[in-house]
Protein backbone atom coordinates (compact mmCIF):
# COMPACT_ATOMS: atom_id res chain seq x y z
CA MET A 1 -19.66 16.50 -5.46
CA PRO A 2 -21.80 19.69 -5.63
CA SER A 3 -20.71 22.54 -7.84
CA ASP A 4 -21.12 26.27 -7.25
CA SER A 5 -22.01 26.89 -10.89
CA PRO A 6 -25.51 26.06 -12.12
CA ALA A 7 -25.92 23.23 -14.61
CA THR A 8 -26.16 24.29 -18.22
CA GLN A 9 -29.68 23.95 -19.56
CA PHE A 10 -29.91 22.76 -23.16
CA LEU A 11 -32.88 23.41 -25.43
CA THR A 12 -34.04 21.48 -28.47
CA VAL A 13 -34.39 23.21 -31.81
CA ALA A 14 -38.17 23.08 -31.38
CA GLU A 15 -37.95 24.76 -27.96
CA VAL A 16 -35.68 27.50 -29.34
CA ALA A 17 -38.06 28.04 -32.27
CA GLU A 18 -41.00 28.32 -29.87
CA GLN A 19 -39.22 30.86 -27.65
CA MET A 20 -38.13 32.94 -30.65
CA ARG A 21 -41.49 32.57 -32.40
CA VAL A 22 -39.81 31.39 -35.61
CA SER A 23 -39.76 28.14 -37.56
CA LYS A 24 -37.43 25.27 -36.76
CA MET A 25 -35.80 25.82 -40.16
CA THR A 26 -34.83 29.36 -39.10
CA VAL A 27 -33.15 27.94 -35.99
CA TYR A 28 -31.32 25.33 -38.09
CA ARG A 29 -30.07 28.10 -40.38
CA LEU A 30 -28.79 30.09 -37.39
CA VAL A 31 -27.03 27.01 -36.02
CA HIS A 32 -25.47 26.02 -39.36
CA SER A 33 -24.29 29.57 -40.04
CA GLY A 34 -22.63 29.72 -36.63
CA GLU A 35 -24.75 32.65 -35.45
CA LEU A 36 -26.33 30.51 -32.73
CA PRO A 37 -23.94 28.12 -30.94
CA ALA A 38 -25.14 24.57 -30.48
CA VAL A 39 -23.82 21.12 -29.69
CA ARG A 40 -24.60 18.05 -31.70
CA VAL A 41 -26.04 15.09 -29.80
CA GLY A 42 -26.34 12.17 -32.17
CA LYS A 43 -28.31 13.54 -35.11
CA SER A 44 -29.88 16.35 -33.08
CA PHE A 45 -28.73 19.78 -31.99
CA ARG A 46 -29.02 21.25 -28.51
CA VAL A 47 -28.69 24.97 -27.85
CA PRO A 48 -27.45 26.16 -24.46
CA GLN A 49 -29.98 28.52 -22.85
CA LYS A 50 -27.19 31.08 -22.29
CA ALA A 51 -26.32 31.01 -26.01
CA LEU A 52 -29.94 31.78 -26.88
CA ASP A 53 -30.10 34.55 -24.25
CA ASP A 54 -26.86 36.08 -25.59
CA TYR A 55 -28.06 35.84 -29.20
CA LEU A 56 -31.35 37.57 -28.39
CA ALA A 57 -29.63 40.27 -26.31
CA GLY A 58 -27.36 41.06 -29.26
CA ALA A 59 -30.22 41.05 -31.74
CA TYR A 60 -31.97 44.12 -30.33
CA PHE A 61 -31.77 47.33 -32.34
CA ASP A 62 -33.19 50.80 -31.95
CA ALA A 63 -35.86 51.24 -34.63
CA ASP A 64 -35.84 55.01 -34.02
CA ARG A 65 -32.26 55.19 -35.30
CA ILE A 66 -33.17 53.77 -38.72
CA THR A 67 -33.37 56.55 -41.27
CA SER A 68 -35.03 56.46 -44.64
């Protein structure tokens, strides 16, 4: 039965770390703190691509607005 909505793509912690250019430990910290939603599959975590996209979109800031 086909669905109109696209299938959710899940990323491993290593894939998220590679896309963000950070360590896997940083991704684990984001997941455990609740800042980056993830689902647990066995002993592993999987991060929905949309959750990563939303996290990164919300992480942008205007460096010109920072005052000394």
